[in-house]
């Protein structure tokens, strides 16, 4: 078996504000030990890029436009509004209140929506 991803963190100057943001927008909660427990698809897909962009975590949501509106309402900003990659996926890109670059994938049940 190849080496799996076993942990991630999201950094910023105010971890409490980030905790509140991700809890409000995506329903993420801390376990009794203070760690996030987030559902993942498996196997987790990824890509290598040569552009100068930062790393990005993509979060599956039922409605990208609605989630982006919630991101803005909670102090984040939109990098790219909802857009479709025909035959592939529906995406939206944002920055959390700490400036971390993140992405949204519109889900159709447990699978990405393919336009």
PDB file of N, CA and C in Angstrom:
ATOM      1  N   UNK A   1       0.832  -1.180   0.000  1.00  0.00           N
ATOM      2  CA  UNK A   1       0.000   0.000   0.000  1.00  0.00           C
ATOM      3  C   UNK A   1       0.877   1.245   0.000  1.00  0.00           C
ATOM      4  N   UNK A   2       0.505   2.222  -0.820  1.00  0.00           N
ATOM      5  CA  UNK A   2       1.221   3.496  -0.835  1.00  0.00           C
ATOM      6  C   UNK A   2       0.941   4.247   0.465  1.00  0.00           C
ATOM      7  N   UNK A   3       1.762   5.217   0.780  1.00  0.00           N
ATOM      8  CA  UNK A   3       1.600   5.992   2.016  1.00  0.00           C
ATOM      9  C   UNK A   3       0.334   6.837   1.971  1.00  0.00           C
ATOM     10  N   UNK A   4      -0.602   6.662   2.930  1.00  0.00           N
ATOM     11  CA  UNK A   4      -1.859   7.418   2.918  1.00  0.00           C
ATOM     12  C   UNK A   4      -1.712   8.788   3.571  1.00  0.00           C
ATOM     13  N   UNK A   5      -2.612   9.684   3.246  1.00  0.00           N
ATOM     14  CA  UNK A   5      -2.729  10.942   3.974  1.00  0.00           C
ATOM     15  C   UNK A   5      -3.463  10.615   5.268  1.00  0.00           C
ATOM     16  N   UNK A   6      -2.902  11.023   6.394  1.00  0.00           N
ATOM     17  CA  UNK A   6      -3.487  10.649   7.678  1.00  0.00           C
ATOM     18  C   UNK A   6      -3.917  11.845   8.527  1.00  0.00           C
ATOM     19  N   UNK A   7      -3.569  13.063   8.112  1.00  0.00           N
ATOM     20  CA  UNK A   7      -3.892  14.231   8.922  1.00  0.00           C
ATOM     21  C   UNK A   7      -3.784  15.470   8.065  1.00  0.00           C
ATOM     22  N   UNK A   8      -4.541  16.496   8.399  1.00  0.00           N
ATOM     23  CA  UNK A   8      -4.366  17.797   7.771  1.00  0.00           C
ATOM     24  C   UNK A   8      -4.588  18.861   8.832  1.00  0.00           C
ATOM     25  N   UNK A   9      -4.023  20.043   8.600  1.00  0.00           N
ATOM     26  CA  UNK A   9      -4.343  21.169   9.465  1.00  0.00           C
ATOM     27  C   UNK A   9      -4.554  22.401   8.605  1.00  0.00           C
ATOM     28  N   UNK A  10      -5.296  23.344   9.157  1.00  0.00           N
ATOM     29  CA  UNK A  10      -5.579  24.607   8.498  1.00  0.00           C
ATOM     30  C   UNK A  10      -5.105  25.684   9.458  1.00  0.00           C
ATOM     31  N   UNK A  11      -4.152  26.493   9.027  1.00  0.00           N
ATOM     32  CA  UNK A  11      -3.498  27.436   9.931  1.00  0.00           C
ATOM     33  C   UNK A  11      -3.990  28.864   9.737  1.00  0.00           C
ATOM     34  N   UNK A  12      -3.893  29.633  10.787  1.00  0.00           N
ATOM     35  CA  UNK A  12      -4.211  31.050  10.758  1.00  0.00           C
ATOM     36  C   UNK A  12      -3.880  31.667  12.095  1.00  0.00           C
ATOM     37  N   UNK A  13      -3.896  32.994  12.162  1.00  0.00           N
ATOM     38  CA  UNK A  13      -3.516  33.668  13.404  1.00  0.00           C
ATOM     39  C   UNK A  13      -4.521  33.481  14.539  1.00  0.00           C
ATOM     40  N   UNK A  14      -5.756  33.079  14.213  1.00  0.00           N
ATOM     41  CA  UNK A  14      -6.791  32.901  15.241  1.00  0.00           C
ATOM     42  C   UNK A  14      -7.468  31.557  15.003  1.00  0.00           C
ATOM     43  N   UNK A  15      -6.965  30.513  15.661  1.00  0.00           N
ATOM     44  CA  UNK A  15      -7.515  29.177  15.436  1.00  0.00           C
ATOM     45  C   UNK A  15      -8.971  29.075  15.885  1.00  0.00           C
ATOM     46  N   UNK A  16      -9.360  29.833  16.890  1.00  0.00           N
ATOM     47  CA  UNK A  16     -10.753  29.835  17.321  1.00  0.00           C
ATOM     48  C   UNK A  16     -11.679  30.384  16.244  1.00  0.00           C
ATOM     49  N   UNK A  17     -11.245  31.445  15.560  1.00  0.00           N
ATOM     50  CA  UNK A  17     -12.049  32.014  14.469  1.00  0.00           C
ATOM     51  C   UNK A  17     -12.154  31.029  13.318  1.00  0.00           C
ATOM     52  N   UNK A  18     -11.068  30.319  13.012  1.00  0.00           N
ATOM     53  CA  UNK A  18     -11.123  29.310  11.948  1.00  0.00           C
ATOM     54  C   UNK A  18     -12.044  28.161  12.346  1.00  0.00           C
ATOM     55  N   UNK A  19     -11.967  27.733  13.576  1.00  0.00           N
ATOM     56  CA  UNK A  19     -12.850  26.673  14.075  1.00  0.00           C
ATOM     57  C   UNK A  19     -14.309  27.097  13.923  1.00  0.00           C
ATOM     58  N   UNK A  20     -14.615  28.345  14.304  1.00  0.00           N
ATOM     59  CA  UNK A  20     -15.985  28.849  14.180  1.00  0.00           C
ATOM     60  C   UNK A  20     -16.419  28.942  12.726  1.00  0.00           C
ATOM     61  N   UNK A  21     -15.527  29.399  11.836  1.00  0.00           N
ATOM     62  CA  UNK A  21     -15.832  29.529  10.408  1.00  0.00           C
ATOM     63  C   UNK A  21     -16.169  28.172   9.803  1.00  0.00           C
ATOM     64  N   UNK A  22     -15.298  27.182   9.971  1.00  0.00           N
ATOM     65  CA  UNK A  22     -15.519  25.868   9.359  1.00  0.00           C
ATOM     66  C   UNK A  22     -16.694  25.127   9.993  1.00  0.00           C
ATOM     67  N   UNK A  23     -16.942  25.371  11.261  1.00  0.00           N
ATOM     68  CA  UNK A  23     -18.108  24.785  11.905  1.00  0.00           C
ATOM     69  C   UNK A  23     -19.392  25.380  11.336  1.00  0.00           C
ATOM     70  N   UNK A  24     -19.429  26.704  11.181  1.00  0.00           N
ATOM     71  CA  UNK A  24     -20.633  27.376  10.690  1.00  0.00           C
ATOM     72  C   UNK A  24     -20.903  27.076   9.222  1.00  0.00           C
ATOM     73  N   UNK A  25     -19.870  27.080   8.398  1.00  0.00           N
ATOM     74  CA  UNK A  25     -20.062  26.915   6.956  1.00  0.00           C
ATOM     75  C   UNK A  25     -20.213  25.451   6.555  1.00  0.00           C
ATOM     76  N   UNK A  26     -19.428  24.557   7.159  1.00  0.00           N
ATOM     77  CA  UNK A  26     -19.390  23.165   6.709  1.00  0.00           C
ATOM     78  C   UNK A  26     -19.837  22.145   7.763  1.00  0.00           C
ATOM     79  N   UNK A  27     -20.151  22.604   8.967  1.00  0.00           N
ATOM     80  CA  UNK A  27     -20.607  21.685  10.004  1.00  0.00           C
ATOM     81  C   UNK A  27     -19.501  20.865  10.635  1.00  0.00           C
ATOM     82  N   UNK A  28     -18.237  21.249  10.436  1.00  0.00           N
ATOM     83  CA  UNK A  28     -17.127  20.508  11.020  1.00  0.00           C
ATOM     84  C   UNK A  28     -17.086  20.757  12.522  1.00  0.00           C
ATOM     85  N   UNK A  29     -16.900  19.699  13.294  1.00  0.00           N
ATOM     86  CA  UNK A  29     -16.862  19.794  14.745  1.00  0.00           C
ATOM     87  C   UNK A  29     -15.593  19.142  15.285  1.00  0.00           C
ATOM     88  N   UNK A  30     -15.177  19.572  16.454  1.00  0.00           N
ATOM     89  CA  UNK A  30     -14.036  18.958  17.120  1.00  0.00           C
ATOM     90  C   UNK A  30     -14.501  17.750  17.922  1.00  0.00           C
ATOM     91  N   UNK A  31     -13.638  16.737  17.975  1.00  0.00           N
ATOM     92  CA  UNK A  31     -13.945  15.589  18.817  1.00  0.00           C
ATOM     93  C   UNK A  31     -13.560  15.930  20.260  1.00  0.00           C
ATOM     94  N   UNK A  32     -13.785  15.030  21.208  1.00  0.00           N
ATOM     95  CA  UNK A  32     -13.462  15.327  22.614  1.00  0.00           C
ATOM     96  C   UNK A  32     -11.979  15.625  22.868  1.00  0.00           C
ATOM     97  N   UNK A  33     -11.104  15.279  21.919  1.00  0.00           N
ATOM     98  CA  UNK A  33      -9.668  15.515  22.076  1.00  0.00           C
ATOM     99  C   UNK A  33      -9.211  16.790  21.381  1.00  0.00           C
ATOM    100  N   UNK A  34     -10.169  17.561  20.833  1.00  0.00           N
ATOM    101  CA  UNK A  34      -9.833  18.813  20.165  1.00  0.00           C
ATOM    102  C   UNK A  34      -9.399  18.664  18.716  1.00  0.00           C
ATOM    103  N   UNK A  35      -9.607  17.486  18.130  1.00  0.00           N
ATOM    104  CA  UNK A  35      -9.229  17.229  16.743  1.00  0.00           C
ATOM    105  C   UNK A  35     -10.458  17.243  15.847  1.00  0.00           C
ATOM    106  N   UNK A  36     -10.291  17.703  14.622  1.00  0.00           N
ATOM    107  CA  UNK A  36     -11.365  17.623  13.637  1.00  0.00           C
ATOM    108  C   UNK A  36     -11.523  16.192  13.172  1.00  0.00           C
ATOM    109  N   UNK A  37     -12.740  15.786  12.993  1.00  0.00           N
ATOM    110  CA  UNK A  37     -13.038  14.505  12.363  1.00  0.00           C
ATOM    111  C   UNK A  37     -13.943  14.835  11.186  1.00  0.00           C
ATOM    112  N   UNK A  38     -13.391  14.726   9.981  1.00  0.00           N
ATOM    113  CA  UNK A  38     -14.088  15.137   8.764  1.00  0.00           C
ATOM    114  C   UNK A  38     -14.241  13.932   7.843  1.00  0.00           C
ATOM    115  N   UNK A  39     -15.427  13.749   7.302  1.00  0.00           N
ATOM    116  CA  UNK A  39     -15.649  12.673   6.341  1.00  0.00           C
ATOM    117  C   UNK A  39     -14.786  12.895   5.104  1.00  0.00           C
ATOM    118  N   UNK A  40     -14.297  11.824   4.513  1.00  0.00           N
ATOM    119  CA  UNK A  40     -13.513  11.907   3.277  1.00  0.00           C
ATOM    120  C   UNK A  40     -14.055  10.894   2.281  1.00  0.00           C
ATOM    121  N   UNK A  41     -13.811  11.169   1.013  1.00  0.00           N
ATOM    122  CA  UNK A  41     -14.112  10.174   0.003  1.00  0.00           C
ATOM    123  C   UNK A  41     -12.906   9.257  -0.083  1.00  0.00           C
ATOM    124  N   UNK A  42     -13.086   8.073  -0.513  1.00  0.00           N
ATOM    125  CA  UNK A  42     -11.946   7.185  -0.591  1.00  0.00           C
ATOM    126  C   UNK A  42     -11.956   6.393  -1.879  1.00  0.00           C
ATOM    127  N   UNK A  43     -10.850   6.187  -2.493  1.00  0.00           N
ATOM    128  CA  UNK A  43      -9.594   6.834  -2.138  1.00  0.00           C
ATOM    129  C   UNK A  43      -9.646   8.332  -2.446  1.00  0.00           C
ATOM    130  N   UNK A  44      -8.870   9.109  -1.731  1.00  0.00           N
ATOM    131  CA  UNK A  44      -8.842  10.556  -1.888  1.00  0.00           C
ATOM    132  C   UNK A  44      -8.056  10.904  -3.145  1.00  0.00           C
ATOM    133  N   UNK A  45      -8.685  11.638  -4.053  1.00  0.00           N
ATOM    134  CA  UNK A  45      -8.016  12.046  -5.298  1.00  0.00           C
ATOM    135  C   UNK A  45      -7.158  13.276  -5.050  1.00  0.00           C
ATOM    136  N   UNK A  46      -6.159  13.470  -5.871  1.00  0.00           N
ATOM    137  CA  UNK A  46      -5.276  14.632  -5.774  1.00  0.00           C
ATOM    138  C   UNK A  46      -4.614  14.895  -7.105  1.00  0.00           C
ATOM    139  N   UNK A  47      -3.842  15.961  -7.163  1.00  0.00           N
ATOM    140  CA  UNK A  47      -3.151  16.322  -8.405  1.00  0.00           C
ATOM    141  C   UNK A  47      -1.876  17.082  -8.080  1.00  0.00           C
ATOM    142  N   UNK A  48      -0.926  17.047  -8.987  1.00  0.00           N
ATOM    143  CA  UNK A  48       0.260  17.898  -8.928  1.00  0.00           C
ATOM    144  C   UNK A  48       0.068  18.997  -9.956  1.00  0.00           C
ATOM    145  N   UNK A  49       0.478  20.221  -9.617  1.00  0.00           N
ATOM    146  CA  UNK A  49       0.359  21.350 -10.540  1.00  0.00           C
ATOM    147  C   UNK A  49       1.692  22.061 -10.602  1.00  0.00           C
ATOM    148  N   UNK A  50       1.928  22.759 -11.712  1.00  0.00           N
ATOM    149  CA  UNK A  50       3.155  23.536 -11.809  1.00  0.00           C
ATOM    150  C   UNK A  50       2.910  25.025 -11.674  1.00  0.00           C
ATOM    151  N   UNK A  51       1.651  25.441 -11.529  1.00  0.00           N
ATOM    152  CA  UNK A  51       1.381  26.867 -11.357  1.00  0.00           C
ATOM    153  C   UNK A  51       1.821  27.307  -9.962  1.00  0.00           C
ATOM    154  N   UNK A  52       1.909  28.602  -9.725  1.00  0.00           N
ATOM    155  CA  UNK A  52       2.426  29.080  -8.435  1.00  0.00           C
ATOM    156  C   UNK A  52       1.399  29.112  -7.305  1.00  0.00           C
ATOM    157  N   UNK A  53       0.234  28.550  -7.501  1.00  0.00           N
ATOM    158  CA  UNK A  53      -0.804  28.601  -6.470  1.00  0.00           C
ATOM    159  C   UNK A  53      -0.401  27.803  -5.236  1.00  0.00           C
ATOM    160  N   UNK A  54      -1.025  28.169  -4.143  1.00  0.00           N
ATOM    161  CA  UNK A  54      -0.837  27.502  -2.868  1.00  0.00           C
ATOM    162  C   UNK A  54      -1.527  26.142  -2.899  1.00  0.00           C
ATOM    163  N   UNK A  55      -1.291  25.318  -1.889  1.00  0.00           N
ATOM    164  CA  UNK A  55      -2.034  24.059  -1.774  1.00  0.00           C
ATOM    165  C   UNK A  55      -3.504  24.397  -1.566  1.00  0.00           C
ATOM    166  N   UNK A  56      -4.386  23.477  -1.886  1.00  0.00           N
ATOM    167  CA  UNK A  56      -5.815  23.744  -1.767  1.00  0.00           C
ATOM    168  C   UNK A  56      -6.528  22.460  -1.381  1.00  0.00           C
ATOM    169  N   UNK A  57      -7.393  22.538  -0.375  1.00  0.00           N
ATOM    170  CA  UNK A  57      -8.261  21.435   0.005  1.00  0.00           C
ATOM    171  C   UNK A  57      -9.609  21.691  -0.655  1.00  0.00           C
ATOM    172  N   UNK A  58     -10.199  20.657  -1.252  1.00  0.00           N
ATOM    173  CA  UNK A  58     -11.514  20.773  -1.884  1.00  0.00           C
ATOM    174  C   UNK A  58     -12.548  20.095  -0.994  1.00  0.00           C
ATOM    175  N   UNK A  59     -13.617  20.812  -0.706  1.00  0.00           N
ATOM    176  CA  UNK A  59     -14.656  20.352   0.207  1.00  0.00           C
ATOM    177  C   UNK A  59     -15.925  20.084  -0.592  1.00  0.00           C
ATOM    178  N   UNK A  60     -16.516  18.921  -0.424  1.00  0.00           N
ATOM    179  CA  UNK A  60     -17.741  18.569  -1.131  1.00  0.00           C
ATOM    180  C   UNK A  60     -18.961  19.183  -0.469  1.00  0.00           C
ATOM    181  N   UNK A  61     -19.781  19.866  -1.270  1.00  0.00           N
ATOM    182  CA  UNK A  61     -21.008  20.510  -0.771  1.00  0.00           C
ATOM    183  C   UNK A  61     -22.147  20.246  -1.753  1.00  0.00           C
ATOM    184  N   UNK A  62     -23.396  20.300  -1.295  1.00  0.00           N
ATOM    185  CA  UNK A  62     -24.514  20.068  -2.212  1.00  0.00           C
ATOM    186  C   UNK A  62     -24.756  21.219  -3.179  1.00  0.00           C
ATOM    187  N   UNK A  63     -24.369  22.447  -2.801  1.00  0.00           N
ATOM    188  CA  UNK A  63     -24.644  23.624  -3.627  1.00  0.00           C
ATOM    189  C   UNK A  63     -23.485  24.609  -3.482  1.00  0.00           C
ATOM    190  N   UNK A  64     -22.646  24.696  -4.509  1.00  0.00           N
ATOM    191  CA  UNK A  64     -21.462  25.555  -4.454  1.00  0.00           C
ATOM    192  C   UNK A  64     -21.849  27.019  -4.253  1.00  0.00           C
ATOM    193  N   UNK A  65     -22.832  27.516  -5.002  1.00  0.00           N
ATOM    194  CA  UNK A  65     -23.217  28.926  -4.894  1.00  0.00           C
ATOM    195  C   UNK A  65     -23.693  29.259  -3.480  1.00  0.00           C
ATOM    196  N   UNK A  66     -24.520  28.410  -2.890  1.00  0.00           N
ATOM    197  CA  UNK A  66     -25.014  28.650  -1.532  1.00  0.00           C
ATOM    198  C   UNK A  66     -23.872  28.609  -0.517  1.00  0.00           C
ATOM    199  N   UNK A  67     -22.945  27.685  -0.689  1.00  0.00           N
ATOM    200  CA  UNK A  67     -21.814  27.593   0.234  1.00  0.00           C
ATOM    201  C   UNK A  67     -20.899  28.803   0.107  1.00  0.00           C
ATOM    202  N   UNK A  68     -20.695  29.300  -1.117  1.00  0.00           N
ATOM    203  CA  UNK A  68     -19.880  30.507  -1.292  1.00  0.00           C
ATOM    204  C   UNK A  68     -20.540  31.711  -0.630  1.00  0.00           C
ATOM    205  N   UNK A  69     -21.858  31.798  -0.694  1.00  0.00           N
ATOM    206  CA  UNK A  69     -22.569  32.885  -0.018  1.00  0.00           C
ATOM    207  C   UNK A  69     -22.345  32.800   1.493  1.00  0.00           C
ATOM    208  N   UNK A  70     -22.354  31.597   2.034  1.00  0.00           N
ATOM    209  CA  UNK A  70     -22.113  31.401   3.467  1.00  0.00           C
ATOM    210  C   UNK A  70     -20.661  31.730   3.814  1.00  0.00           C
ATOM    211  N   UNK A  71     -19.725  31.382   2.930  1.00  0.00           N
ATOM    212  CA  UNK A  71     -18.314  31.725   3.130  1.00  0.00           C
ATOM    213  C   UNK A  71     -18.170  33.237   3.304  1.00  0.00           C
ATOM    214  N   UNK A  72     -18.782  34.001   2.402  1.00  0.00           N
ATOM    215  CA  UNK A  72     -18.697  35.462   2.464  1.00  0.00           C
ATOM    216  C   UNK A  72     -19.373  35.992   3.729  1.00  0.00           C
ATOM    217  N   UNK A  73     -20.529  35.439   4.065  1.00  0.00           N
ATOM    218  CA  UNK A  73     -21.251  35.877   5.256  1.00  0.00           C
ATOM    219  C   UNK A  73     -20.446  35.647   6.528  1.00  0.00           C
ATOM    220  N   UNK A  74     -19.543  34.674   6.505  1.00  0.00           N
ATOM    221  CA  UNK A  74     -18.747  34.331   7.693  1.00  0.00           C
ATOM    222  C   UNK A  74     -17.326  34.881   7.635  1.00  0.00           C
ATOM    223  N   UNK A  75     -17.045  35.798   6.691  1.00  0.00           N
ATOM    224  CA  UNK A  75     -15.752  36.474   6.685  1.00  0.00           C
ATOM    225  C   UNK A  75     -14.748  35.986   5.669  1.00  0.00           C
ATOM    226  N   UNK A  76     -15.111  35.029   4.828  1.00  0.00           N
ATOM    227  CA  UNK A  76     -14.214  34.569   3.769  1.00  0.00           C
ATOM    228  C   UNK A  76     -14.412  35.398   2.509  1.00  0.00           C
ATOM    229  N   UNK A  77     -13.634  35.105   1.483  1.00  0.00           N
ATOM    230  CA  UNK A  77     -13.750  35.793   0.198  1.00  0.00           C
ATOM    231  C   UNK A  77     -13.793  34.773  -0.929  1.00  0.00           C
ATOM    232  N   UNK A  78     -14.358  35.176  -2.046  1.00  0.00           N
ATOM    233  CA  UNK A  78     -14.475  34.293  -3.202  1.00  0.00           C
ATOM    234  C   UNK A  78     -13.334  34.567  -4.174  1.00  0.00           C
ATOM    235  N   UNK A  79     -12.613  33.521  -4.554  1.00  0.00           N
ATOM    236  CA  UNK A  79     -11.589  33.620  -5.600  1.00  0.00           C
ATOM    237  C   UNK A  79     -12.204  33.356  -6.971  1.00  0.00           C
ATOM    238  N   UNK A  80     -13.140  32.413  -7.048  1.00  0.00           N
ATOM    239  CA  UNK A  80     -13.830  32.097  -8.303  1.00  0.00           C
ATOM    240  C   UNK A  80     -15.239  31.635  -7.957  1.00  0.00           C
ATOM    241  N   UNK A  81     -16.268  32.307  -8.501  1.00  0.00           N
ATOM    242  CA  UNK A  81     -17.634  31.864  -8.240  1.00  0.00           C
ATOM    243  C   UNK A  81     -17.874  30.497  -8.880  1.00  0.00           C
ATOM    244  N   UNK A  82     -19.029  29.930  -8.608  1.00  0.00           N
ATOM    245  CA  UNK A  82     -19.385  28.610  -9.142  1.00  0.00           C
ATOM    246  C   UNK A  82     -19.113  28.565 -10.644  1.00  0.00           C
ATOM    247  N   UNK A  83     -18.392  27.532 -11.065  1.00  0.00           N
ATOM    248  CA  UNK A  83     -18.147  27.325 -12.494  1.00  0.00           C
ATOM    249  C   UNK A  83     -18.125  25.844 -12.801  1.00  0.00           C
ATOM    250  N   UNK A  84     -18.391  25.529 -14.042  1.00  0.00           N
ATOM    251  CA  UNK A  84     -18.437  24.134 -14.481  1.00  0.00           C
ATOM    252  C   UNK A  84     -17.250  23.823 -15.374  1.00  0.00           C
ATOM    253  N   UNK A  85     -16.669  22.663 -15.158  1.00  0.00           N
ATOM    254  CA  UNK A  85     -15.694  22.095 -16.078  1.00  0.00           C
ATOM    255  C   UNK A  85     -16.467  20.975 -16.776  1.00  0.00           C
ATOM    256  N   UNK A  86     -16.960  21.242 -18.012  1.00  0.00           N
ATOM    257  CA  UNK A  86     -17.859  20.292 -18.681  1.00  0.00           C
ATOM    258  C   UNK A  86     -17.291  18.871 -18.716  1.00  0.00           C
ATOM    259  N   UNK A  87     -18.144  17.939 -18.311  1.00  0.00           N
ATOM    260  CA  UNK A  87     -17.764  16.539 -18.303  1.00  0.00           C
ATOM    261  C   UNK A  87     -16.881  16.131 -17.149  1.00  0.00           C
ATOM    262  N   UNK A  88     -16.553  17.088 -16.264  1.00  0.00           N
ATOM    263  CA  UNK A  88     -15.615  16.775 -15.181  1.00  0.00           C
ATOM    264  C   UNK A  88     -16.204  17.067 -13.803  1.00  0.00           C
ATOM    265  N   UNK A  89     -16.498  18.361 -13.510  1.00  0.00           N
ATOM    266  CA  UNK A  89     -16.880  18.736 -12.141  1.00  0.00           C
ATOM    267  C   UNK A  89     -17.434  20.155 -12.108  1.00  0.00           C
ATOM    268  N   UNK A  90     -18.137  20.483 -11.012  1.00  0.00           N
ATOM    269  CA  UNK A  90     -18.597  21.842 -10.718  1.00  0.00           C
ATOM    270  C   UNK A  90     -17.792  22.330  -9.512  1.00  0.00           C
ATOM    271  N   UNK A  91     -17.181  23.508  -9.635  1.00  0.00           N
ATOM    272  CA  UNK A  91     -16.272  24.013  -8.614  1.00  0.00           C
ATOM    273  C   UNK A  91     -16.616  25.433  -8.180  1.00  0.00           C
ATOM    274  N   UNK A  92     -16.035  25.850  -7.083  1.00  0.00           N
ATOM    275  CA  UNK A  92     -15.981  27.227  -6.617  1.00  0.00           C
ATOM    276  C   UNK A  92     -14.724  27.345  -5.775  1.00  0.00           C
ATOM    277  N   UNK A  93     -14.090  28.502  -5.783  1.00  0.00           N
ATOM    278  CA  UNK A  93     -12.835  28.683  -5.050  1.00  0.00           C
ATOM    279  C   UNK A  93     -12.976  29.846  -4.080  1.00  0.00           C
ATOM    280  N   UNK A  94     -12.418  29.691  -2.878  1.00  0.00           N
ATOM    281  CA  UNK A  94     -12.522  30.745  -1.883  1.00  0.00           C
ATOM    282  C   UNK A  94     -11.294  30.792  -0.990  1.00  0.00           C
ATOM    283  N   UNK A  95     -11.250  31.838  -0.164  1.00  0.00           N
ATOM    284  CA  UNK A  95     -10.245  31.962   0.893  1.00  0.00           C
ATOM    285  C   UNK A  95     -10.985  32.080   2.215  1.00  0.00           C
ATOM    286  N   UNK A  96     -10.507  31.348   3.210  1.00  0.00           N
ATOM    287  CA  UNK A  96     -11.117  31.451   4.532  1.00  0.00           C
ATOM    288  C   UNK A  96     -10.687  32.770   5.177  1.00  0.00           C
ATOM    289  N   UNK A  97     -11.182  33.094   6.369  1.00  0.00           N
ATOM    290  CA  UNK A  97     -10.826  34.380   6.986  1.00  0.00           C
ATOM    291  C   UNK A  97      -9.331  34.570   7.237  1.00  0.00           C
ATOM    292  N   UNK A  98      -8.560  33.484   7.283  1.00  0.00           N
ATOM    293  CA  UNK A  98      -7.110  33.593   7.464  1.00  0.00           C
ATOM    294  C   UNK A  98      -6.377  33.697   6.130  1.00  0.00           C
ATOM    295  N   UNK A  99      -7.107  33.632   5.009  1.00  0.00           N
ATOM    296  CA  UNK A  99      -6.482  33.727   3.692  1.00  0.00           C
ATOM    297  C   UNK A  99      -6.091  32.402   3.081  1.00  0.00           C
ATOM    298  N   UNK A 100      -6.402  31.271   3.732  1.00  0.00           N
ATOM    299  CA  UNK A 100      -6.096  29.958   3.166  1.00  0.00           C
ATOM    300  C   UNK A 100      -6.949  29.719   1.928  1.00  0.00           C
ATOM    301  N   UNK A 101      -6.327  29.240   0.849  1.00  0.00           N
ATOM    302  CA  UNK A 101      -7.052  28.953  -0.379  1.00  0.00           C
ATOM    303  C   UNK A 101      -7.723  27.595  -0.269  1.00  0.00           C
ATOM    304  N   UNK A 102      -9.007  27.565  -0.594  1.00  0.00           N
ATOM    305  CA  UNK A 102      -9.802  26.344  -0.511  1.00  0.00           C
ATOM    306  C   UNK A 102     -10.678  26.238  -1.739  1.00  0.00           C
ATOM    307  N   UNK A 103     -11.195  25.051  -1.987  1.00  0.00           N
ATOM    308  CA  UNK A 103     -12.090  24.836  -3.105  1.00  0.00           C
ATOM    309  C   UNK A 103     -13.340  24.107  -2.670  1.00  0.00           C
ATOM    310  N   UNK A 104     -14.383  24.256  -3.464  1.00  0.00           N
ATOM    311  CA  UNK A 104     -15.633  23.542  -3.248  1.00  0.00           C
ATOM    312  C   UNK A 104     -15.915  22.681  -4.457  1.00  0.00           C
ATOM    313  N   UNK A 105     -16.417  21.497  -4.233  1.00  0.00           N
ATOM    314  CA  UNK A 105     -16.859  20.591  -5.286  1.00  0.00           C
ATOM    315  C   UNK A 105     -18.338  20.324  -5.049  1.00  0.00           C
ATOM    316  N   UNK A 106     -19.159  20.582  -6.061  1.00  0.00           N
ATOM    317  CA  UNK A 106     -20.595  20.330  -5.917  1.00  0.00           C
ATOM    318  C   UNK A 106     -20.835  18.836  -6.022  1.00  0.00           C
ATOM    319  N   UNK A 107     -21.524  18.306  -5.012  1.00  0.00           N
ATOM    320  CA  UNK A 107     -21.737  16.871  -4.922  1.00  0.00           C
ATOM    321  C   UNK A 107     -23.145  16.499  -5.346  1.00  0.00           C
ATOM    322  N   UNK A 108     -23.263  15.345  -5.974  1.00  0.00           N
ATOM    323  CA  UNK A 108     -24.546  14.727  -6.327  1.00  0.00           C
ATOM    324  C   UNK A 108     -24.622  13.463  -5.478  1.00  0.00           C
ATOM    325  N   UNK A 109     -25.133  13.633  -4.263  1.00  0.00           N
ATOM    326  CA  UNK A 109     -25.083  12.515  -3.320  1.00  0.00           C
ATOM    327  C   UNK A 109     -23.670  12.361  -2.809  1.00  0.00           C
ATOM    328  N   UNK A 110     -23.079  11.193  -3.033  1.00  0.00           N
ATOM    329  CA  UNK A 110     -21.718  10.927  -2.565  1.00  0.00           C
ATOM    330  C   UNK A 110     -20.675  11.085  -3.662  1.00  0.00           C
ATOM    331  N   UNK A 111     -21.094  11.519  -4.863  1.00  0.00           N
ATOM    332  CA  UNK A 111     -20.153  11.675  -5.975  1.00  0.00           C
ATOM    333  C   UNK A 111     -20.180  13.111  -6.473  1.00  0.00           C
ATOM    334  N   UNK A 112     -19.058  13.590  -7.020  1.00  0.00           N
ATOM    335  CA  UNK A 112     -19.068  14.934  -7.600  1.00  0.00           C
ATOM    336  C   UNK A 112     -20.090  15.041  -8.743  1.00  0.00           C
ATOM    337  N   UNK A 113     -20.759  16.194  -8.805  1.00  0.00           N
ATOM    338  CA  UNK A 113     -21.709  16.466  -9.892  1.00  0.00           C
ATOM    339  C   UNK A 113     -20.904  16.703 -11.170  1.00  0.00           C
ATOM    340  N   UNK A 114     -21.274  15.990 -12.215  1.00  0.00           N
ATOM    341  CA  UNK A 114     -20.602  16.143 -13.507  1.00  0.00           C
ATOM    342  C   UNK A 114     -21.550  16.855 -14.457  1.00  0.00           C
ATOM    343  N   UNK A 115     -21.187  18.079 -14.873  1.00  0.00           N
ATOM    344  CA  UNK A 115     -22.076  18.856 -15.755  1.00  0.00           C
ATOM    345  C   UNK A 115     -22.061  18.359 -17.197  1.00  0.00           C
TER     346      UNK A 115
END
